[in-house]
PDB file of N, CA and C in Angstrom:
ATOM      1  N   MET A   1       7.376  13.043  14.197  1.00  0.00           N
ATOM      2  CA  MET A   1       7.794  11.710  15.000  1.00  0.00           C
ATOM      3  C   MET A   1       7.219  10.989  13.896  1.00  0.00           C
ATOM      4  N   ALA A   2       8.470  10.537  13.012  1.00  0.00           N
ATOM      5  CA  ALA A   2       8.186   9.436  11.980  1.00  0.00           C
ATOM      6  C   ALA A   2       7.971   8.095  12.712  1.00  0.00           C
ATOM      7  N   PHE A   3       6.855   7.608  11.135  1.00  0.00           N
ATOM      8  CA  PHE A   3       6.349   6.346  11.141  1.00  0.00           C
ATOM      9  C   PHE A   3       7.250   4.767  11.996  1.00  0.00           C
ATOM     10  N   SER A   4       8.128   5.338  11.931  1.00  0.00           N
ATOM     11  CA  SER A   4       9.780   4.136  12.100  1.00  0.00           C
ATOM     12  C   SER A   4      10.064   4.354  13.099  1.00  0.00           C
ATOM     13  N   ASP A   5       9.742   5.541  13.819  1.00  0.00           N
ATOM     14  CA  ASP A   5       9.918   5.813  15.235  1.00  0.00           C
ATOM     15  C   ASP A   5       8.635   4.584  16.218  1.00  0.00           C
ATOM     16  N   PHE A   6       7.861   4.859  15.401  1.00  0.00           N
ATOM     17  CA  PHE A   6       6.801   3.414  16.023  1.00  0.00           C
ATOM     18  C   PHE A   6       7.745   1.942  16.560  1.00  0.00           C
ATOM     19  N   HIS A   7       7.735   1.528  17.444  1.00  0.00           N
ATOM     20  CA  HIS A   7       8.188   0.510  17.068  1.00  0.00           C
ATOM     21  C   HIS A   7       6.941  -1.105  17.210  1.00  0.00           C
ATOM     22  N   THR A   8       6.013  -0.591  17.352  1.00  0.00           N
ATOM     23  CA  THR A   8       5.033  -1.767  16.928  1.00  0.00           C
ATOM     24  C   THR A   8       3.579  -1.178  17.057  1.00  0.00           C
ATOM     25  N   ILE A   9       2.521  -1.867  16.163  1.00  0.00           N
ATOM     26  CA  ILE A   9       1.723  -1.415  15.560  1.00  0.00           C
ATOM     27  C   ILE A   9       0.162  -1.027  17.166  1.00  0.00           C
ATOM     28  N   SER A  10       0.697  -2.005  17.855  1.00  0.00           N
ATOM     29  CA  SER A  10       0.100  -1.355  19.061  1.00  0.00           C
ATOM     30  C   SER A  10       0.836   0.150  20.296  1.00  0.00           C
ATOM     31  N   GLU A  11       1.350   0.229  19.781  1.00  0.00           N
ATOM     32  CA  GLU A  11       1.981   1.659  20.137  1.00  0.00           C
ATOM     33  C   GLU A  11       1.462   2.595  19.386  1.00  0.00           C
ATOM     34  N   VAL A  12       1.182   2.750  18.104  1.00  0.00           N
ATOM     35  CA  VAL A  12       0.215   4.295  17.404  1.00  0.00           C
ATOM     36  C   VAL A  12      -1.458   3.531  17.853  1.00  0.00           C
ATOM     37  N   GLN A  13      -1.746   2.317  17.848  1.00  0.00           N
ATOM     38  CA  GLN A  13      -3.091   2.025  18.812  1.00  0.00           C
ATOM     39  C   GLN A  13      -2.903   2.896  19.830  1.00  0.00           C
ATOM     40  N   GLN A  14      -2.273   2.625  20.812  1.00  0.00           N
ATOM     41  CA  GLN A  14      -2.655   3.098  22.108  1.00  0.00           C
ATOM     42  C   GLN A  14      -3.004   4.542  22.377  1.00  0.00           C
ATOM     43  N   LYS A  15      -1.323   5.063  21.233  1.00  0.00           N
ATOM     44  CA  LYS A  15      -1.836   6.832  21.077  1.00  0.00           C
ATOM     45  C   LYS A  15      -2.706   7.629  20.259  1.00  0.00           C
ATOM     46  N   TYR A  16      -3.419   7.053  19.635  1.00  0.00           N
ATOM     47  CA  TYR A  16      -4.043   7.724  18.837  1.00  0.00           C
ATOM     48  C   TYR A  16      -5.526   6.972  19.002  1.00  0.00           C
ATOM     49  N   ARG A  17      -5.742   6.078  20.257  1.00  0.00           N
ATOM     50  CA  ARG A  17      -6.815   5.658  20.218  1.00  0.00           C
ATOM     51  C   ARG A  17      -8.168   5.131  19.111  1.00  0.00           C
ATOM     52  N   ILE A  18      -6.769   4.047  18.620  1.00  0.00           N
ATOM     53  CA  ILE A  18      -7.091   3.253  16.950  1.00  0.00           C
ATOM     54  C   ILE A  18      -7.683   1.843  17.383  1.00  0.00           C
ATOM     55  N   HIS A  19      -9.322   1.611  16.994  1.00  0.00           N
ATOM     56  CA  HIS A  19      -9.361   0.531  17.439  1.00  0.00           C
ATOM     57  C   HIS A  19      -9.311  -0.555  16.562  1.00  0.00           C
ATOM     58  N   TYR A  20      -8.603  -1.992  16.940  1.00  0.00           N
ATOM     59  CA  TYR A  20      -8.068  -2.941  16.256  1.00  0.00           C
ATOM     60  C   TYR A  20      -9.801  -3.888  15.096  1.00  0.00           C
ATOM     61  N   LYS A  21      -9.523  -3.584  14.057  1.00  0.00           N
ATOM     62  CA  LYS A  21     -10.882  -4.656  13.835  1.00  0.00           C
ATOM     63  C   LYS A  21     -10.648  -5.347  12.255  1.00  0.00           C
ATOM     64  N   GLU A  22     -11.096  -6.723  12.564  1.00  0.00           N
ATOM     65  CA  GLU A  22     -10.573  -7.334  10.951  1.00  0.00           C
ATOM     66  C   GLU A  22     -11.958  -7.238  10.182  1.00  0.00           C
ATOM     67  N   SER A  23     -12.047  -7.318   9.058  1.00  0.00           N
ATOM     68  CA  SER A  23     -13.100  -6.701   7.835  1.00  0.00           C
ATOM     69  C   SER A  23     -12.560  -7.595   6.969  1.00  0.00           C
ATOM     70  N   ASN A  24     -13.152  -7.578   6.250  1.00  0.00           N
ATOM     71  CA  ASN A  24     -13.109  -7.983   4.387  1.00  0.00           C
ATOM     72  C   ASN A  24     -13.626  -6.761   3.887  1.00  0.00           C
ATOM     73  N   PHE A  25     -13.153  -5.846   3.847  1.00  0.00           N
ATOM     74  CA  PHE A  25     -13.295  -4.707   2.592  1.00  0.00           C
ATOM     75  C   PHE A  25     -13.275  -4.678   1.037  1.00  0.00           C
ATOM     76  N   LEU A  26     -12.621  -5.408   0.747  1.00  0.00           N
ATOM     77  CA  LEU A  26     -12.531  -5.901  -0.382  1.00  0.00           C
ATOM     78  C   LEU A  26     -12.782  -7.001  -1.068  1.00  0.00           C
ATOM     79  N   SER A  27     -13.839  -7.110  -2.266  1.00  0.00           N
ATOM     80  CA  SER A  27     -14.539  -8.665  -2.047  1.00  0.00           C
ATOM     81  C   SER A  27     -13.761  -9.075  -3.026  1.00  0.00           C
ATOM     82  N   LEU A  28     -13.361 -10.525  -2.551  1.00  0.00           N
ATOM     83  CA  LEU A  28     -12.537 -11.432  -2.717  1.00  0.00           C
ATOM     84  C   LEU A  28     -12.513 -12.572  -4.497  1.00  0.00           C
ATOM     85  N   HIS A  29     -12.148 -12.924  -5.126  1.00  0.00           N
ATOM     86  CA  HIS A  29     -13.140 -13.425  -6.312  1.00  0.00           C
ATOM     87  C   HIS A  29     -12.194 -13.935  -7.001  1.00  0.00           C
ATOM     88  N   ASP A  30     -12.019 -14.903  -8.062  1.00  0.00           N
ATOM     89  CA  ASP A  30     -11.125 -15.635  -8.548  1.00  0.00           C
ATOM     90  C   ASP A  30     -10.895 -14.574  -9.697  1.00  0.00           C
ATOM     91  N   LEU A  31      -9.319 -14.432  -9.196  1.00  0.00           N
ATOM     92  CA  LEU A  31      -8.299 -13.082  -9.655  1.00  0.00           C
ATOM     93  C   LEU A  31      -7.425 -13.512 -10.974  1.00  0.00           C
ATOM     94  N   GLN A  32      -7.169 -13.201 -11.704  1.00  0.00           N
ATOM     95  CA  GLN A  32      -6.754 -14.226 -12.776  1.00  0.00           C
ATOM     96  C   GLN A  32      -5.917 -13.164 -13.330  1.00  0.00           C
ATOM     97  N   PRO A  33      -4.039 -12.675 -13.201  1.00  0.00           N
ATOM     98  CA  PRO A  33      -3.642 -11.940 -13.290  1.00  0.00           C
ATOM     99  C   PRO A  33      -3.220 -11.961 -14.519  1.00  0.00           C
ATOM    100  N   PRO A  34      -3.614 -10.927 -15.906  1.00  0.00           N
ATOM    101  CA  PRO A  34      -2.889 -10.991 -17.076  1.00  0.00           C
ATOM    102  C   PRO A  34      -1.646 -11.714 -16.981  1.00  0.00           C
ATOM    103  N   GLU A  35      -1.813 -12.418 -18.236  1.00  0.00           N
ATOM    104  CA  GLU A  35      -0.682 -12.817 -19.023  1.00  0.00           C
ATOM    105  C   GLU A  35       0.333 -12.422 -18.704  1.00  0.00           C
ATOM    106  N   THR A  36       0.380 -10.644 -19.422  1.00  0.00           N
ATOM    107  CA  THR A  36       1.748  -9.976 -19.530  1.00  0.00           C
ATOM    108  C   THR A  36       2.492  -9.969 -17.790  1.00  0.00           C
ATOM    109  N   PHE A  37       1.611  -9.925 -17.136  1.00  0.00           N
ATOM    110  CA  PHE A  37       1.743 -10.044 -15.196  1.00  0.00           C
ATOM    111  C   PHE A  37       3.037 -10.590 -15.255  1.00  0.00           C
ATOM    112  N   VAL A  38       2.114 -11.926 -15.257  1.00  0.00           N
ATOM    113  CA  VAL A  38       2.784 -13.354 -15.028  1.00  0.00           C
ATOM    114  C   VAL A  38       4.090 -13.440 -15.769  1.00  0.00           C
ATOM    115  N   ASN A  39       4.189 -13.066 -16.739  1.00  0.00           N
ATOM    116  CA  ASN A  39       5.236 -13.025 -17.659  1.00  0.00           C
ATOM    117  C   ASN A  39       6.299 -12.230 -17.777  1.00  0.00           C
ATOM    118  N   ASP A  40       6.428 -11.190 -16.547  1.00  0.00           N
ATOM    119  CA  ASP A  40       7.240 -10.571 -16.335  1.00  0.00           C
ATOM    120  C   ASP A  40       7.635 -10.971 -15.014  1.00  0.00           C
ATOM    121  N   PHE A  41       6.779 -11.627 -14.062  1.00  0.00           N
ATOM    122  CA  PHE A  41       7.050 -11.885 -12.747  1.00  0.00           C
ATOM    123  C   PHE A  41       8.139 -12.937 -13.062  1.00  0.00           C
ATOM    124  N   LYS A  42       8.015 -13.888 -13.846  1.00  0.00           N
ATOM    125  CA  LYS A  42       8.652 -14.911 -14.122  1.00  0.00           C
ATOM    126  C   LYS A  42       9.812 -14.733 -14.908  1.00  0.00           C
ATOM    127  N   PHE A  43      10.063 -14.107 -15.730  1.00  0.00           N
ATOM    128  CA  PHE A  43      11.448 -13.700 -16.415  1.00  0.00           C
ATOM    129  C   PHE A  43      12.043 -12.718 -15.138  1.00  0.00           C
ATOM    130  N   TYR A  44      11.608 -11.544 -14.314  1.00  0.00           N
ATOM    131  CA  TYR A  44      12.326 -11.071 -13.203  1.00  0.00           C
ATOM    132  C   TYR A  44      12.679 -12.282 -12.864  1.00  0.00           C
ATOM    133  N   GLN A  45      12.309 -13.027 -11.628  1.00  0.00           N
ATOM    134  CA  GLN A  45      12.665 -13.710 -10.744  1.00  0.00           C
ATOM    135  C   GLN A  45      13.597 -14.827 -11.525  1.00  0.00           C
ATOM    136  N   THR A  46      13.441 -15.092 -12.687  1.00  0.00           N
ATOM    137  CA  THR A  46      14.808 -16.031 -13.306  1.00  0.00           C
ATOM    138  C   THR A  46      15.864 -15.658 -13.571  1.00  0.00           C
ATOM    139  N   ASN A  47      15.900 -14.339 -13.835  1.00  0.00           N
ATOM    140  CA  ASN A  47      17.313 -13.077 -14.500  1.00  0.00           C
ATOM    141  C   ASN A  47      17.902 -12.204 -13.770  1.00  0.00           C
ATOM    142  N   LEU A  48      16.766 -12.110 -12.386  1.00  0.00           N
ATOM    143  CA  LEU A  48      16.875 -10.647 -11.488  1.00  0.00           C
ATOM    144  C   LEU A  48      17.422 -11.793 -10.177  1.00  0.00           C
ATOM    145  N   ASP A  49      17.816 -10.426  -9.120  1.00  0.00           N
ATOM    146  CA  ASP A  49      18.099 -11.236  -7.979  1.00  0.00           C
ATOM    147  C   ASP A  49      16.901 -10.377  -7.416  1.00  0.00           C
ATOM    148  N   ILE A  50      15.275 -10.528  -7.488  1.00  0.00           N
ATOM    149  CA  ILE A  50      14.205  -9.691  -7.073  1.00  0.00           C
ATOM    150  C   ILE A  50      14.612  -9.756  -5.729  1.00  0.00           C
ATOM    151  N   TYR A  51      15.538 -10.506  -4.639  1.00  0.00           N
ATOM    152  CA  TYR A  51      15.391  -9.996  -2.957  1.00  0.00           C
ATOM    153  C   TYR A  51      16.748  -9.124  -3.038  1.00  0.00           C
ATOM    154  N   ALA A  52      17.723  -9.049  -3.755  1.00  0.00           N
ATOM    155  CA  ALA A  52      19.345  -8.286  -3.254  1.00  0.00           C
ATOM    156  C   ALA A  52      18.669  -7.266  -2.291  1.00  0.00           C
ATOM    157  N   SER A  53      17.659  -5.889  -2.521  1.00  0.00           N
ATOM    158  CA  SER A  53      17.290  -5.107  -1.851  1.00  0.00           C
ATOM    159  C   SER A  53      15.982  -4.821  -1.384  1.00  0.00           C
ATOM    160  N   GLU A  54      16.069  -3.878  -0.447  1.00  0.00           N
ATOM    161  CA  GLU A  54      13.786  -3.157  -0.617  1.00  0.00           C
ATOM    162  C   GLU A  54      13.665  -2.750  -1.766  1.00  0.00           C
ATOM    163  N   ALA A  55      14.915  -2.053  -2.498  1.00  0.00           N
ATOM    164  CA  ALA A  55      14.241  -1.050  -4.145  1.00  0.00           C
ATOM    165  C   ALA A  55      13.616  -2.253  -4.998  1.00  0.00           C
ATOM    166  N   SER A  56      14.397  -3.359  -5.187  1.00  0.00           N
ATOM    167  CA  SER A  56      14.248  -4.486  -5.887  1.00  0.00           C
ATOM    168  C   SER A  56      13.038  -5.333  -5.388  1.00  0.00           C
ATOM    169  N   ARG A  57      12.683  -5.041  -4.038  1.00  0.00           N
ATOM    170  CA  ARG A  57      11.467  -5.803  -4.012  1.00  0.00           C
ATOM    171  C   ARG A  57      10.522  -5.379  -4.441  1.00  0.00           C
ATOM    172  N   SER A  58      10.499  -3.883  -3.898  1.00  0.00           N
ATOM    173  CA  SER A  58       8.908  -3.290  -4.491  1.00  0.00           C
ATOM    174  C   SER A  58       9.464  -2.682  -5.786  1.00  0.00           C
ATOM    175  N   GLU A  59      10.454  -2.625  -6.678  1.00  0.00           N
ATOM    176  CA  GLU A  59      10.307  -2.221  -7.939  1.00  0.00           C
ATOM    177  C   GLU A  59       9.482  -3.650  -8.654  1.00  0.00           C
ATOM    178  N   LEU A  60       9.854  -4.580  -8.103  1.00  0.00           N
ATOM    179  CA  LEU A  60       9.707  -5.826  -9.326  1.00  0.00           C
ATOM    180  C   LEU A  60       8.318  -6.911  -8.508  1.00  0.00           C
ATOM    181  N   ILE A  61       8.169  -6.411  -7.051  1.00  0.00           N
ATOM    182  CA  ILE A  61       7.660  -7.130  -6.729  1.00  0.00           C
ATOM    183  C   ILE A  61       5.882  -7.013  -6.283  1.00  0.00           C
ATOM    184  N   ILE A  62       6.163  -6.325  -5.338  1.00  0.00           N
ATOM    185  CA  ILE A  62       5.417  -5.192  -4.463  1.00  0.00           C
ATOM    186  C   ILE A  62       4.209  -3.978  -5.210  1.00  0.00           C
ATOM    187  N   SER A  63       4.853  -3.719  -5.985  1.00  0.00           N
ATOM    188  CA  SER A  63       4.401  -2.221  -6.408  1.00  0.00           C
ATOM    189  C   SER A  63       3.458  -2.825  -7.959  1.00  0.00           C
ATOM    190  N   PRO A  64       3.978  -3.821  -8.754  1.00  0.00           N
ATOM    191  CA  PRO A  64       3.642  -4.503  -9.723  1.00  0.00           C
ATOM    192  C   PRO A  64       2.412  -5.194  -9.354  1.00  0.00           C
ATOM    193  N   LEU A  65       2.247  -5.632  -7.844  1.00  0.00           N
ATOM    194  CA  LEU A  65       1.288  -6.642  -7.552  1.00  0.00           C
ATOM    195  C   LEU A  65       0.076  -6.037  -6.958  1.00  0.00           C
ATOM    196  N   LEU A  66       0.368  -4.654  -6.646  1.00  0.00           N
ATOM    197  CA  LEU A  66      -0.279  -4.192  -5.389  1.00  0.00           C
ATOM    198  C   LEU A  66      -1.125  -2.862  -7.017  1.00  0.00           C
ATOM    199  N   ARG A  67      -0.128  -2.811  -8.043  1.00  0.00           N
ATOM    200  CA  ARG A  67      -1.107  -1.874  -8.989  1.00  0.00           C
ATOM    201  C   ARG A  67      -2.426  -2.816  -9.425  1.00  0.00           C
ATOM    202  N   GLU A  68      -1.910  -4.477  -9.643  1.00  0.00           N
ATOM    203  CA  GLU A  68      -2.641  -4.779 -10.017  1.00  0.00           C
ATOM    204  C   GLU A  68      -3.637  -5.266  -9.701  1.00  0.00           C
ATOM    205  N   VAL A  69      -3.698  -5.457  -8.340  1.00  0.00           N
ATOM    206  CA  VAL A  69      -5.203  -5.674  -7.182  1.00  0.00           C
ATOM    207  C   VAL A  69      -5.828  -4.140  -7.259  1.00  0.00           C
ATOM    208  N   TYR A  70      -5.596  -2.977  -7.253  1.00  0.00           N
ATOM    209  CA  TYR A  70      -5.911  -1.861  -7.261  1.00  0.00           C
ATOM    210  C   TYR A  70      -6.726  -1.613  -8.988  1.00  0.00           C
ATOM    211  N   LYS A  71      -6.162  -2.183  -9.692  1.00  0.00           N
ATOM    212  CA  LYS A  71      -6.723  -2.025 -10.784  1.00  0.00           C
ATOM    213  C   LYS A  71      -8.474  -2.720 -10.991  1.00  0.00           C
ATOM    214  N   ASN A  72      -8.791  -3.393  -9.654  1.00  0.00           N
ATOM    215  CA  ASN A  72     -10.342  -4.007  -9.761  1.00  0.00           C
ATOM    216  C   ASN A  72     -10.280  -3.373  -8.615  1.00  0.00           C
ATOM    217  N   HIS A  73     -10.612  -2.516  -8.370  1.00  0.00           N
ATOM    218  CA  HIS A  73     -10.819  -1.769  -7.071  1.00  0.00           C
ATOM    219  C   HIS A  73     -10.548  -0.143  -7.119  1.00  0.00           C
ATOM    220  N   PHE A  74     -10.757   0.615  -7.991  1.00  0.00           N
ATOM    221  CA  PHE A  74     -10.241   1.914  -8.614  1.00  0.00           C
ATOM    222  C   PHE A  74     -11.451   2.606  -8.739  1.00  0.00           C
ATOM    223  N   THR A  75     -12.593   2.118  -8.120  1.00  0.00           N
ATOM    224  CA  THR A  75     -13.846   3.075  -8.334  1.00  0.00           C
ATOM    225  C   THR A  75     -14.315   3.325  -6.981  1.00  0.00           C
ATOM    226  N   ARG A  76     -13.699   2.670  -5.468  1.00  0.00           N
ATOM    227  CA  ARG A  76     -13.998   2.590  -4.509  1.00  0.00           C
ATOM    228  C   ARG A  76     -12.918   3.392  -3.559  1.00  0.00           C
ATOM    229  N   TYR A  77     -11.584   3.306  -3.821  1.00  0.00           N
ATOM    230  CA  TYR A  77     -10.635   3.639  -3.428  1.00  0.00           C
ATOM    231  C   TYR A  77      -9.252   4.195  -4.589  1.00  0.00           C
ATOM    232  N   SER A  78      -8.466   4.337  -4.018  1.00  0.00           N
ATOM    233  CA  SER A  78      -7.242   5.522  -4.341  1.00  0.00           C
ATOM    234  C   SER A  78      -5.619   4.785  -4.087  1.00  0.00           C
ATOM    235  N   PHE A  79      -4.670   4.812  -4.536  1.00  0.00           N
ATOM    236  CA  PHE A  79      -3.723   3.961  -4.641  1.00  0.00           C
ATOM    237  C   PHE A  79      -2.726   5.305  -4.809  1.00  0.00           C
ATOM    238  N   TRP A  80      -1.967   5.145  -3.268  1.00  0.00           N
ATOM    239  CA  TRP A  80      -0.601   6.163  -3.806  1.00  0.00           C
ATOM    240  C   TRP A  80       0.760   5.445  -3.445  1.00  0.00           C
ATOM    241  N   ILE A  81       1.383   6.144  -3.342  1.00  0.00           N
ATOM    242  CA  ILE A  81       3.057   5.215  -3.368  1.00  0.00           C
ATOM    243  C   ILE A  81       4.050   6.610  -3.273  1.00  0.00           C
ATOM    244  N   GLN A  82       4.380   6.709  -1.838  1.00  0.00           N
ATOM    245  CA  GLN A  82       5.420   7.445  -1.530  1.00  0.00           C
ATOM    246  C   GLN A  82       4.102   8.645  -1.884  1.00  0.00           C
ATOM    247  N   LYS A  83       3.596   8.428  -1.258  1.00  0.00           N
ATOM    248  CA  LYS A  83       2.624  10.431  -0.639  1.00  0.00           C
ATOM    249  C   LYS A  83       2.562  10.715   0.831  1.00  0.00           C
ATOM    250  N   LYS A  84       3.270  11.643   1.222  1.00  0.00           N
ATOM    251  CA  LYS A  84       3.530  12.430   2.375  1.00  0.00           C
ATOM    252  C   LYS A  84       2.658  12.634   3.331  1.00  0.00           C
ATOM    253  N   LEU A  85       2.533  11.809   4.163  1.00  0.00           N
ATOM    254  CA  LEU A  85       1.444  11.702   5.439  1.00  0.00           C
ATOM    255  C   LEU A  85       1.490  12.813   6.414  1.00  0.00           C
ATOM    256  N   HIS A  86       0.264  13.591   6.907  1.00  0.00           N
ATOM    257  CA  HIS A  86       0.533  14.385   7.896  1.00  0.00           C
ATOM    258  C   HIS A  86      -0.392  14.246   9.126  1.00  0.00           C
ATOM    259  N   TYR A  87      -0.287  13.977   9.672  1.00  0.00           N
ATOM    260  CA  TYR A  87      -1.246  13.405  10.930  1.00  0.00           C
ATOM    261  C   TYR A  87      -1.315  14.632  11.827  1.00  0.00           C
ATOM    262  N   ASP A  88      -0.202  14.579  12.732  1.00  0.00           N
ATOM    263  CA  ASP A  88       0.280  15.827  13.893  1.00  0.00           C
ATOM    264  C   ASP A  88       1.416  15.659  13.969  1.00  0.00           C
ATOM    265  N   ALA A  89       1.790  16.608  15.073  1.00  0.00           N
ATOM    266  CA  ALA A  89       3.651  16.854  14.664  1.00  0.00           C
ATOM    267  C   ALA A  89       4.010  15.373  15.175  1.00  0.00           C
ATOM    268  N   ASP A  90       3.383  14.302  16.343  1.00  0.00           N
ATOM    269  CA  ASP A  90       3.917  13.307  16.839  1.00  0.00           C
ATOM    270  C   ASP A  90       4.065  12.128  15.711  1.00  0.00           C
ATOM    271  N   LEU A  91       2.929  12.079  13.913  1.00  0.00           N
ATOM    272  CA  LEU A  91       3.139  11.426  12.821  1.00  0.00           C
ATOM    273  C   LEU A  91       2.488  12.219  11.672  1.00  0.00           C
ATOM    274  N   THR A  92       3.950  11.702  11.402  1.00  0.00           N
ATOM    275  CA  THR A  92       3.736  12.123  10.299  1.00  0.00           C
ATOM    276  C   THR A  92       5.070  11.489   9.157  1.00  0.00           C
ATOM    277  N   GLY A  93       4.730  11.017   7.725  1.00  0.00           N
ATOM    278  CA  GLY A  93       6.375  10.162   7.035  1.00  0.00           C
ATOM    279  C   GLY A  93       5.411  10.102   5.857  1.00  0.00           C
ATOM    280  N   THR A  94       6.482   9.271   5.246  1.00  0.00           N
ATOM    281  CA  THR A  94       5.749   9.175   3.636  1.00  0.00           C
ATOM    282  C   THR A  94       6.127   7.887   3.642  1.00  0.00           C
ATOM    283  N   PRO A  95       5.013   7.128   3.878  1.00  0.00           N
ATOM    284  CA  PRO A  95       4.451   5.056   3.310  1.00  0.00           C
ATOM    285  C   PRO A  95       5.414   4.871   2.032  1.00  0.00           C
ATOM    286  N   ASP A  96       5.612   3.654   2.299  1.00  0.00           N
ATOM    287  CA  ASP A  96       5.863   3.275   0.264  1.00  0.00           C
ATOM    288  C   ASP A  96       4.614   3.173  -0.415  1.00  0.00           C
ATOM    289  N   TYR A  97       3.495   2.296   0.614  1.00  0.00           N
ATOM    290  CA  TYR A  97       2.383   2.498  -0.580  1.00  0.00           C
ATOM    291  C   TYR A  97       1.197   2.811   0.365  1.00  0.00           C
ATOM    292  N   MET A  98       0.122   3.544  -0.171  1.00  0.00           N
ATOM    293  CA  MET A  98      -1.157   3.587   1.148  1.00  0.00           C
ATOM    294  C   MET A  98      -2.472   3.647  -0.252  1.00  0.00           C
ATOM    295  N   PHE A  99      -3.247   2.668   0.558  1.00  0.00           N
ATOM    296  CA  PHE A  99      -4.802   2.684  -0.202  1.00  0.00           C
ATOM    297  C   PHE A  99      -5.838   3.487   0.831  1.00  0.00           C
ATOM    298  N   SER A 100      -6.769   4.219   0.211  1.00  0.00           N
ATOM    299  CA  SER A 100      -7.206   5.550   1.036  1.00  0.00           C
ATOM    300  C   SER A 100      -8.847   5.264   0.185  1.00  0.00           C
ATOM    301  N   GLU A 101      -9.786   5.827   0.776  1.00  0.00           N
ATOM    302  CA  GLU A 101     -11.037   5.678   0.337  1.00  0.00           C
ATOM    303  C   GLU A 101     -10.855   6.649  -0.792  1.00  0.00           C
ATOM    304  N   LYS A 102     -11.832   6.557  -1.484  1.00  0.00           N
ATOM    305  CA  LYS A 102     -11.231   7.792  -2.945  1.00  0.00           C
ATOM    306  C   LYS A 102     -12.086   9.093  -2.533  1.00  0.00           C
ATOM    307  N   SER A 103     -11.530   9.884  -2.869  1.00  0.00           N
ATOM    308  CA  SER A 103     -12.147  11.693  -2.772  1.00  0.00           C
ATOM    309  C   SER A 103     -13.281  11.628  -3.941  1.00  0.00           C
ATOM    310  N   GLU A 104     -13.756  12.036  -3.150  1.00  0.00           N
ATOM    311  CA  GLU A 104     -15.345  13.010  -4.696  1.00  0.00           C
ATOM    312  C   GLU A 104     -14.533  14.150  -4.928  1.00  0.00           C
ATOM    313  N   LEU A 105     -13.332  14.916  -4.645  1.00  0.00           N
ATOM    314  CA  LEU A 105     -12.758  16.170  -5.220  1.00  0.00           C
ATOM    315  C   LEU A 105     -11.862  15.426  -6.351  1.00  0.00           C
ATOM    316  N   GLY A 106     -11.362  14.244  -6.390  1.00  0.00           N
ATOM    317  CA  GLY A 106     -10.228  13.982  -7.333  1.00  0.00           C
ATOM    318  C   GLY A 106      -9.245  13.351  -6.776  1.00  0.00           C
ATOM    319  N   LYS A 107      -8.734  12.493  -7.720  1.00  0.00           N
ATOM    320  CA  LYS A 107      -7.345  11.915  -7.571  1.00  0.00           C
ATOM    321  C   LYS A 107      -6.495  12.359  -6.486  1.00  0.00           C
ATOM    322  N   THR A 108      -5.958  13.962  -6.950  1.00  0.00           N
ATOM    323  CA  THR A 108      -4.960  14.079  -5.903  1.00  0.00           C
ATOM    324  C   THR A 108      -5.333  14.409  -4.516  1.00  0.00           C
ATOM    325  N   VAL A 109      -6.163  14.086  -3.972  1.00  0.00           N
ATOM    326  CA  VAL A 109      -6.453  14.624  -2.749  1.00  0.00           C
ATOM    327  C   VAL A 109      -6.614  12.906  -2.096  1.00  0.00           C
ATOM    328  N   LEU A 110      -6.188  13.422  -0.886  1.00  0.00           N
ATOM    329  CA  LEU A 110      -5.831  12.102  -0.048  1.00  0.00           C
ATOM    330  C   LEU A 110      -6.899  12.475   0.810  1.00  0.00           C
ATOM    331  N   GLU A 111      -7.729  11.079   1.093  1.00  0.00           N
ATOM    332  CA  GLU A 111      -8.922  10.776   2.344  1.00  0.00           C
ATOM    333  C   GLU A 111      -8.196   9.822   3.219  1.00  0.00           C
ATOM    334  N   LYS A 112      -8.764   9.838   4.082  1.00  0.00           N
ATOM    335  CA  LYS A 112      -9.018   8.530   5.341  1.00  0.00           C
ATOM    336  C   LYS A 112      -8.174   6.912   5.061  1.00  0.00           C
ATOM    337  N   PRO A 113      -6.915   7.403   5.261  1.00  0.00           N
ATOM    338  CA  PRO A 113      -6.085   5.719   4.779  1.00  0.00           C
ATOM    339  C   PRO A 113      -6.886   4.581   5.356  1.00  0.00           C
ATOM    340  N   ILE A 114      -6.712   3.658   4.461  1.00  0.00           N
ATOM    341  CA  ILE A 114      -7.351   2.197   5.042  1.00  0.00           C
ATOM    342  C   ILE A 114      -6.081   1.464   5.335  1.00  0.00           C
ATOM    343  N   VAL A 115      -5.187   1.087   4.290  1.00  0.00           N
ATOM    344  CA  VAL A 115      -3.970   0.640   4.353  1.00  0.00           C
ATOM    345  C   VAL A 115      -2.718   1.238   4.175  1.00  0.00           C
ATOM    346  N   ILE A 116      -1.737   0.931   4.984  1.00  0.00           N
ATOM    347  CA  ILE A 116       0.044   1.814   4.619  1.00  0.00           C
ATOM    348  C   ILE A 116       0.915   0.846   4.915  1.00  0.00           C
ATOM    349  N   CYS A 117       1.481   0.759   3.910  1.00  0.00           N
ATOM    350  CA  CYS A 117       2.796  -0.390   3.947  1.00  0.00           C
ATOM    351  C   CYS A 117       3.895   0.440   3.887  1.00  0.00           C
ATOM    352  N   CYS A 118       4.603   0.127   4.914  1.00  0.00           N
ATOM    353  CA  CYS A 118       6.104   0.819   4.907  1.00  0.00           C
ATOM    354  C   CYS A 118       7.073   0.240   4.945  1.00  0.00           C
TER     355      CYS A 118
END
């Protein structure tokens, strides 16, 4: 079953007995994005229809933003783009983006995901 076959988060929670919990797992501080990041975003916003498609939003807004955030947390977490995830016969798929715990085995090993964006 693909991720998209589930209609709500609560369906996944119930099927896999996942407990919902809110917490701050990242320390948030005053982040100033690099000037190049801000300039690129302004350029795309002015000159491209960044909301024309899911692909344009993903390439021009979401991915650059998540990569920039990741730069501040790479020692503790791993960032994945289009990494296939297989839990069991019922839950498999390829999320657009995913953050996981960092593996002691290196950057090619996916550990427990903590944030999945589809």
